[in-house]
């Protein structure tokens, strides 16, 4: 999943640790979400969007590259 987390965090001047404290996760978890190594749960995605005053859709976008053998639009 693509996201704007790094940009939004930089606009606020927050470190990964500061954002993690605000949303209740570790700095490592923030890093994993920013780099696309981990997709947040729906609840966490809403917490992240809320802390930035954004909608979930404004922060996160699904990766629209086709999965192997399956349609993303079924």
Protein backbone atom coordinates (compact mmCIF):
# COMPACT_ATOMS: atom_id res chain seq x y z
CA UNK A 1 0.00 0.00 0.00
CA UNK A 2 1.31 3.42 -0.94
CA UNK A 3 1.16 6.18 1.65
CA UNK A 4 2.03 9.82 2.30
CA UNK A 5 3.10 9.18 5.88
CA UNK A 6 6.70 10.40 5.55
CA UNK A 7 5.60 13.65 3.85
CA UNK A 8 2.86 14.35 6.39
CA UNK A 9 5.19 13.57 9.30
CA UNK A 10 7.89 15.88 7.90
CA UNK A 11 5.35 18.69 7.47
CA UNK A 12 4.61 18.44 11.21
CA UNK A 13 8.31 18.22 12.11
CA UNK A 14 7.76 14.91 13.92
CA UNK A 15 10.27 12.09 14.17
CA UNK A 16 9.13 8.53 13.62
CA UNK A 17 9.28 8.05 17.41
CA UNK A 18 7.08 11.10 18.02
CA UNK A 19 4.48 9.88 15.54
CA UNK A 20 4.64 6.42 17.09
CA UNK A 21 3.94 7.90 20.53
CA UNK A 22 0.93 9.78 19.16
CA UNK A 23 -0.61 6.68 17.56
CA UNK A 24 0.51 4.07 20.09
CA UNK A 25 3.10 2.11 18.09
CA UNK A 26 6.89 1.86 18.04
CA UNK A 27 9.25 3.88 15.87
CA UNK A 28 10.04 0.64 14.04
CA UNK A 29 6.35 0.14 13.22
CA UNK A 30 6.13 3.68 11.80
CA UNK A 31 9.22 2.98 9.68
CA UNK A 32 7.76 -0.30 8.40
CA UNK A 33 4.52 1.44 7.38
CA UNK A 34 6.35 4.36 5.73
CA UNK A 35 8.55 2.04 3.68
CA UNK A 36 5.67 -0.22 2.65
CA UNK A 37 7.00 -3.25 4.50
CA UNK A 38 3.86 -3.38 6.63
CA UNK A 39 0.27 -2.32 5.99
CA UNK A 40 -1.47 -0.90 9.05
CA UNK A 41 -4.67 -2.39 10.42
CA UNK A 42 -7.82 -0.48 9.58
CA UNK A 43 -7.98 0.90 13.13
CA UNK A 44 -4.36 2.07 12.96
CA UNK A 45 -4.92 3.62 9.52
CA UNK A 46 -7.80 5.65 10.99
CA UNK A 47 -5.62 6.72 13.97
CA UNK A 48 -2.88 7.83 11.59
CA UNK A 49 -5.28 9.79 9.40
CA UNK A 50 -6.88 11.38 12.46
CA UNK A 51 -3.59 12.56 13.97
CA UNK A 52 -2.88 14.42 10.71
CA UNK A 53 -6.45 15.69 10.32
CA UNK A 54 -6.76 13.79 7.04
CA UNK A 55 -9.03 11.10 5.64
CA UNK A 56 -7.70 7.57 5.30
CA UNK A 57 -7.93 7.96 1.53
CA UNK A 58 -5.76 11.09 1.68
CA UNK A 59 -3.00 9.21 3.53
CA UNK A 60 -3.15 5.72 2.03
CA UNK A 61 -3.64 4.39 -1.50
CA UNK A 62 -3.85 0.75 -2.47
CA UNK A 63 -1.03 -0.58 -4.62
CA UNK A 64 -2.83 -1.12 -7.90
CA UNK A 65 -0.23 -3.38 -9.49
CA UNK A 66 -1.88 -6.66 -10.49
CA UNK A 67 -1.44 -9.56 -8.10
CA UNK A 68 -0.18 -12.79 -9.59
CA UNK A 69 -3.08 -14.58 -11.20
CA UNK A 70 -5.83 -12.53 -9.53
CA UNK A 71 -7.72 -9.44 -10.51
CA UNK A 72 -7.64 -6.52 -8.10
CA UNK A 73 -11.12 -5.45 -9.23
CA UNK A 74 -13.14 -8.61 -8.67
